[in-house]
PDB file of N, CA and C in Angstrom:
ATOM      1  N   MET A   1      95.048  -2.643 210.242  1.00  0.00           N
ATOM      2  CA  MET A   1      93.746  -1.957 209.817  1.00  0.00           C
ATOM      3  C   MET A   1      93.026  -1.575 211.133  1.00  0.00           C
ATOM      4  N   THR A   2      92.858  -0.507 211.048  1.00  0.00           N
ATOM      5  CA  THR A   2      91.838   0.181 212.313  1.00  0.00           C
ATOM      6  C   THR A   2      90.425   0.455 211.640  1.00  0.00           C
ATOM      7  N   VAL A   3      89.483   0.146 212.454  1.00  0.00           N
ATOM      8  CA  VAL A   3      88.149   0.679 212.061  1.00  0.00           C
ATOM      9  C   VAL A   3      87.425   1.358 213.099  1.00  0.00           C
ATOM     10  N   THR A   4      86.652   2.179 212.759  1.00  0.00           N
ATOM     11  CA  THR A   4      86.148   3.071 213.833  1.00  0.00           C
ATOM     12  C   THR A   4      84.548   2.803 213.696  1.00  0.00           C
ATOM     13  N   ILE A   5      84.079   2.555 215.068  1.00  0.00           N
ATOM     14  CA  ILE A   5      82.604   2.068 215.054  1.00  0.00           C
ATOM     15  C   ILE A   5      82.020   3.139 216.014  1.00  0.00           C
ATOM     16  N   THR A   6      80.749   3.837 215.692  1.00  0.00           N
ATOM     17  CA  THR A   6      80.316   4.578 216.301  1.00  0.00           C
ATOM     18  C   THR A   6      79.162   3.918 217.161  1.00  0.00           C
ATOM     19  N   LEU A   7      79.167   4.295 218.523  1.00  0.00           N
ATOM     20  CA  LEU A   7      77.997   3.565 219.304  1.00  0.00           C
ATOM     21  C   LEU A   7      77.251   4.741 220.063  1.00  0.00           C
ATOM     22  N   ASP A   8      76.001   4.402 220.383  1.00  0.00           N
ATOM     23  CA  ASP A   8      74.981   5.486 220.909  1.00  0.00           C
ATOM     24  C   ASP A   8      75.579   5.277 222.566  1.00  0.00           C
ATOM     25  N   ASP A   9      75.172   6.195 223.150  1.00  0.00           N
ATOM     26  CA  ASP A   9      75.428   6.441 224.633  1.00  0.00           C
ATOM     27  C   ASP A   9      74.909   5.205 225.393  1.00  0.00           C
ATOM     28  N   GLU A  10      73.590   4.676 225.027  1.00  0.00           N
ATOM     29  CA  GLU A  10      73.005   3.592 225.685  1.00  0.00           C
ATOM     30  C   GLU A  10      73.968   2.399 225.600  1.00  0.00           C
ATOM     31  N   LEU A  11      74.307   1.887 224.263  1.00  0.00           N
ATOM     32  CA  LEU A  11      75.054   0.859 223.856  1.00  0.00           C
ATOM     33  C   LEU A  11      76.481   1.065 224.745  1.00  0.00           C
ATOM     34  N   ALA A  12      77.057   2.238 224.483  1.00  0.00           N
ATOM     35  CA  ALA A  12      78.176   2.172 225.384  1.00  0.00           C
ATOM     36  C   ALA A  12      78.116   2.151 226.969  1.00  0.00           C
ATOM     37  N   GLU A  13      77.073   2.584 227.359  1.00  0.00           N
ATOM     38  CA  GLU A  13      77.043   2.361 228.744  1.00  0.00           C
ATOM     39  C   GLU A  13      76.759   0.768 229.188  1.00  0.00           C
ATOM     40  N   ARG A  14      76.107   0.093 228.216  1.00  0.00           N
ATOM     41  CA  ARG A  14      75.979  -1.358 228.548  1.00  0.00           C
ATOM     42  C   ARG A  14      77.097  -1.983 228.416  1.00  0.00           C
ATOM     43  N   LEU A  15      78.155  -1.625 227.403  1.00  0.00           N
ATOM     44  CA  LEU A  15      79.307  -2.398 227.485  1.00  0.00           C
ATOM     45  C   LEU A  15      80.108  -1.731 228.461  1.00  0.00           C
ATOM     46  N   ASP A  16      79.973  -0.642 229.046  1.00  0.00           N
ATOM     47  CA  ASP A  16      81.017  -0.481 230.283  1.00  0.00           C
ATOM     48  C   ASP A  16      80.752  -1.101 231.738  1.00  0.00           C
ATOM     49  N   ARG A  17      79.362  -1.635 231.466  1.00  0.00           N
ATOM     50  CA  ARG A  17      79.004  -2.539 232.731  1.00  0.00           C
ATOM     51  C   ARG A  17      79.640  -3.686 232.614  1.00  0.00           C
ATOM     52  N   HIS A  18      80.128  -4.239 231.472  1.00  0.00           N
ATOM     53  CA  HIS A  18      80.768  -5.599 231.257  1.00  0.00           C
ATOM     54  C   HIS A  18      82.289  -5.513 231.265  1.00  0.00           C
ATOM     55  N   LEU A  19      82.681  -4.325 231.173  1.00  0.00           N
ATOM     56  CA  LEU A  19      84.073  -4.159 231.296  1.00  0.00           C
ATOM     57  C   LEU A  19      84.784  -4.563 232.431  1.00  0.00           C
ATOM     58  N   GLU A  20      86.011  -5.396 232.413  1.00  0.00           N
ATOM     59  CA  GLU A  20      86.657  -5.507 233.553  1.00  0.00           C
ATOM     60  C   GLU A  20      87.819  -4.522 233.655  1.00  0.00           C
ATOM     61  N   GLU A  21      88.378  -4.566 234.752  1.00  0.00           N
ATOM     62  CA  GLU A  21      89.384  -3.310 235.166  1.00  0.00           C
ATOM     63  C   GLU A  21      90.542  -3.365 234.135  1.00  0.00           C
ATOM     64  N   ASP A  22      90.675  -2.196 233.346  1.00  0.00           N
ATOM     65  CA  ASP A  22      91.538  -1.906 232.456  1.00  0.00           C
ATOM     66  C   ASP A  22      91.335  -2.746 231.085  1.00  0.00           C
ATOM     67  N   GLU A  23      90.240  -3.202 230.958  1.00  0.00           N
ATOM     68  CA  GLU A  23      89.748  -3.930 229.687  1.00  0.00           C
ATOM     69  C   GLU A  23      89.217  -2.905 228.617  1.00  0.00           C
ATOM     70  N   SER A  24      89.544  -2.856 227.394  1.00  0.00           N
ATOM     71  CA  SER A  24      89.095  -2.096 226.560  1.00  0.00           C
ATOM     72  C   SER A  24      87.977  -2.599 225.841  1.00  0.00           C
ATOM     73  N   TYR A  25      86.969  -1.569 224.924  1.00  0.00           N
ATOM     74  CA  TYR A  25      86.242  -1.965 224.190  1.00  0.00           C
ATOM     75  C   TYR A  25      86.411  -3.238 223.209  1.00  0.00           C
ATOM     76  N   ALA A  26      87.775  -3.074 222.614  1.00  0.00           N
ATOM     77  CA  ALA A  26      88.291  -3.850 221.634  1.00  0.00           C
ATOM     78  C   ALA A  26      88.373  -5.403 222.045  1.00  0.00           C
ATOM     79  N   GLU A  27      89.009  -5.424 223.339  1.00  0.00           N
ATOM     80  CA  GLU A  27      89.009  -6.839 224.157  1.00  0.00           C
ATOM     81  C   GLU A  27      87.906  -7.421 224.466  1.00  0.00           C
ATOM     82  N   LEU A  28      86.512  -6.453 224.853  1.00  0.00           N
ATOM     83  CA  LEU A  28      85.549  -7.174 225.357  1.00  0.00           C
ATOM     84  C   LEU A  28      84.656  -7.573 223.845  1.00  0.00           C
ATOM     85  N   ILE A  29      84.932  -6.807 222.853  1.00  0.00           N
ATOM     86  CA  ILE A  29      84.266  -7.223 221.734  1.00  0.00           C
ATOM     87  C   ILE A  29      84.853  -8.566 220.966  1.00  0.00           C
ATOM     88  N   GLU A  30      86.185  -8.518 221.202  1.00  0.00           N
ATOM     89  CA  GLU A  30      86.858  -9.583 220.734  1.00  0.00           C
ATOM     90  C   GLU A  30      86.479 -11.023 221.483  1.00  0.00           C
ATOM     91  N   GLU A  31      86.274 -10.930 222.829  1.00  0.00           N
ATOM     92  CA  GLU A  31      85.729 -11.989 223.734  1.00  0.00           C
ATOM     93  C   GLU A  31      84.345 -12.417 223.488  1.00  0.00           C
ATOM     94  N   LEU A  32      83.277 -11.406 223.004  1.00  0.00           N
ATOM     95  CA  LEU A  32      82.065 -11.821 222.556  1.00  0.00           C
ATOM     96  C   LEU A  32      82.091 -12.365 221.286  1.00  0.00           C
ATOM     97  N   VAL A  33      82.780 -11.946 220.213  1.00  0.00           N
ATOM     98  CA  VAL A  33      82.881 -12.878 219.064  1.00  0.00           C
ATOM     99  C   VAL A  33      83.328 -13.888 219.311  1.00  0.00           C
ATOM    100  N   SER A  34      84.611 -14.095 219.933  1.00  0.00           N
ATOM    101  CA  SER A  34      85.008 -15.634 220.240  1.00  0.00           C
ATOM    102  C   SER A  34      84.006 -16.769 220.770  1.00  0.00           C
ATOM    103  N   MET A  35      83.112 -16.034 221.633  1.00  0.00           N
ATOM    104  CA  MET A  35      82.056 -16.841 222.267  1.00  0.00           C
ATOM    105  C   MET A  35      81.052 -17.194 221.253  1.00  0.00           C
ATOM    106  N   TYR A  36      80.744 -16.220 220.457  1.00  0.00           N
ATOM    107  CA  TYR A  36      79.823 -16.503 219.253  1.00  0.00           C
ATOM    108  C   TYR A  36      80.134 -17.480 218.478  1.00  0.00           C
ATOM    109  N   GLU A  37      81.596 -17.365 218.032  1.00  0.00           N
ATOM    110  CA  GLU A  37      81.927 -18.200 216.830  1.00  0.00           C
ATOM    111  C   GLU A  37      82.130 -19.634 217.627  1.00  0.00           C
ATOM    112  N   THR A  38      82.532 -19.618 218.980  1.00  0.00           N
ATOM    113  CA  THR A  38      82.567 -21.270 219.689  1.00  0.00           C
ATOM    114  C   THR A  38      81.281 -21.705 219.721  1.00  0.00           C
ATOM    115  N   GLU A  39      80.357 -20.866 220.264  1.00  0.00           N
ATOM    116  CA  GLU A  39      79.149 -21.628 220.493  1.00  0.00           C
ATOM    117  C   GLU A  39      77.952 -21.467 219.513  1.00  0.00           C
ATOM    118  N   GLY A  40      78.296 -20.614 218.542  1.00  0.00           N
ATOM    119  CA  GLY A  40      77.228 -20.436 217.137  1.00  0.00           C
ATOM    120  C   GLY A  40      75.993 -19.664 217.663  1.00  0.00           C
ATOM    121  N   GLU A  41      76.022 -19.096 218.804  1.00  0.00           N
ATOM    122  CA  GLU A  41      75.307 -18.047 219.161  1.00  0.00           C
ATOM    123  C   GLU A  41      75.420 -17.364 220.582  1.00  0.00           C
ATOM    124  N   PHE A  42      74.827 -16.217 220.515  1.00  0.00           N
ATOM    125  CA  PHE A  42      75.292 -15.741 222.052  1.00  0.00           C
ATOM    126  C   PHE A  42      74.470 -16.265 223.154  1.00  0.00           C
ATOM    127  N   LEU A  43      74.966 -16.307 224.115  1.00  0.00           N
ATOM    128  CA  LEU A  43      74.291 -17.075 225.117  1.00  0.00           C
ATOM    129  C   LEU A  43      73.422 -16.277 226.088  1.00  0.00           C
ATOM    130  N   THR A  44      73.039 -15.078 225.763  1.00  0.00           N
ATOM    131  CA  THR A  44      71.929 -14.348 226.376  1.00  0.00           C
ATOM    132  C   THR A  44      70.585 -15.155 226.109  1.00  0.00           C
ATOM    133  N   GLU A  45      69.930 -15.353 227.165  1.00  0.00           N
ATOM    134  CA  GLU A  45      68.691 -15.961 227.013  1.00  0.00           C
ATOM    135  C   GLU A  45      67.715 -14.828 226.293  1.00  0.00           C
ATOM    136  N   GLY A  46      66.816 -15.464 225.378  1.00  0.00           N
ATOM    137  CA  GLY A  46      65.863 -14.751 224.629  1.00  0.00           C
ATOM    138  C   GLY A  46      66.410 -14.077 223.388  1.00  0.00           C
ATOM    139  N   TYR A  47      67.759 -14.247 223.257  1.00  0.00           N
ATOM    140  CA  TYR A  47      68.248 -13.649 222.114  1.00  0.00           C
ATOM    141  C   TYR A  47      68.026 -14.345 220.924  1.00  0.00           C
ATOM    142  N   SER A  48      67.503 -13.719 219.708  1.00  0.00           N
ATOM    143  CA  SER A  48      67.299 -14.465 218.549  1.00  0.00           C
ATOM    144  C   SER A  48      67.479 -13.379 217.283  1.00  0.00           C
ATOM    145  N   GLU A  49      67.791 -13.566 216.002  1.00  0.00           N
ATOM    146  CA  GLU A  49      67.922 -12.940 214.969  1.00  0.00           C
ATOM    147  C   GLU A  49      66.737 -13.042 214.113  1.00  0.00           C
TER     148      GLU A  49
END
């Protein structure tokens, strides 16, 4: 199954700054979700829901 997610330009630019060479958005998002599931929270200082 493929899902399309629309990002505004600002968020896309932020993601671009974290992409490694030849890494896709899907790979970056998968890595972020894995970190979240492992740690229970994102590691960014000051992040809260």
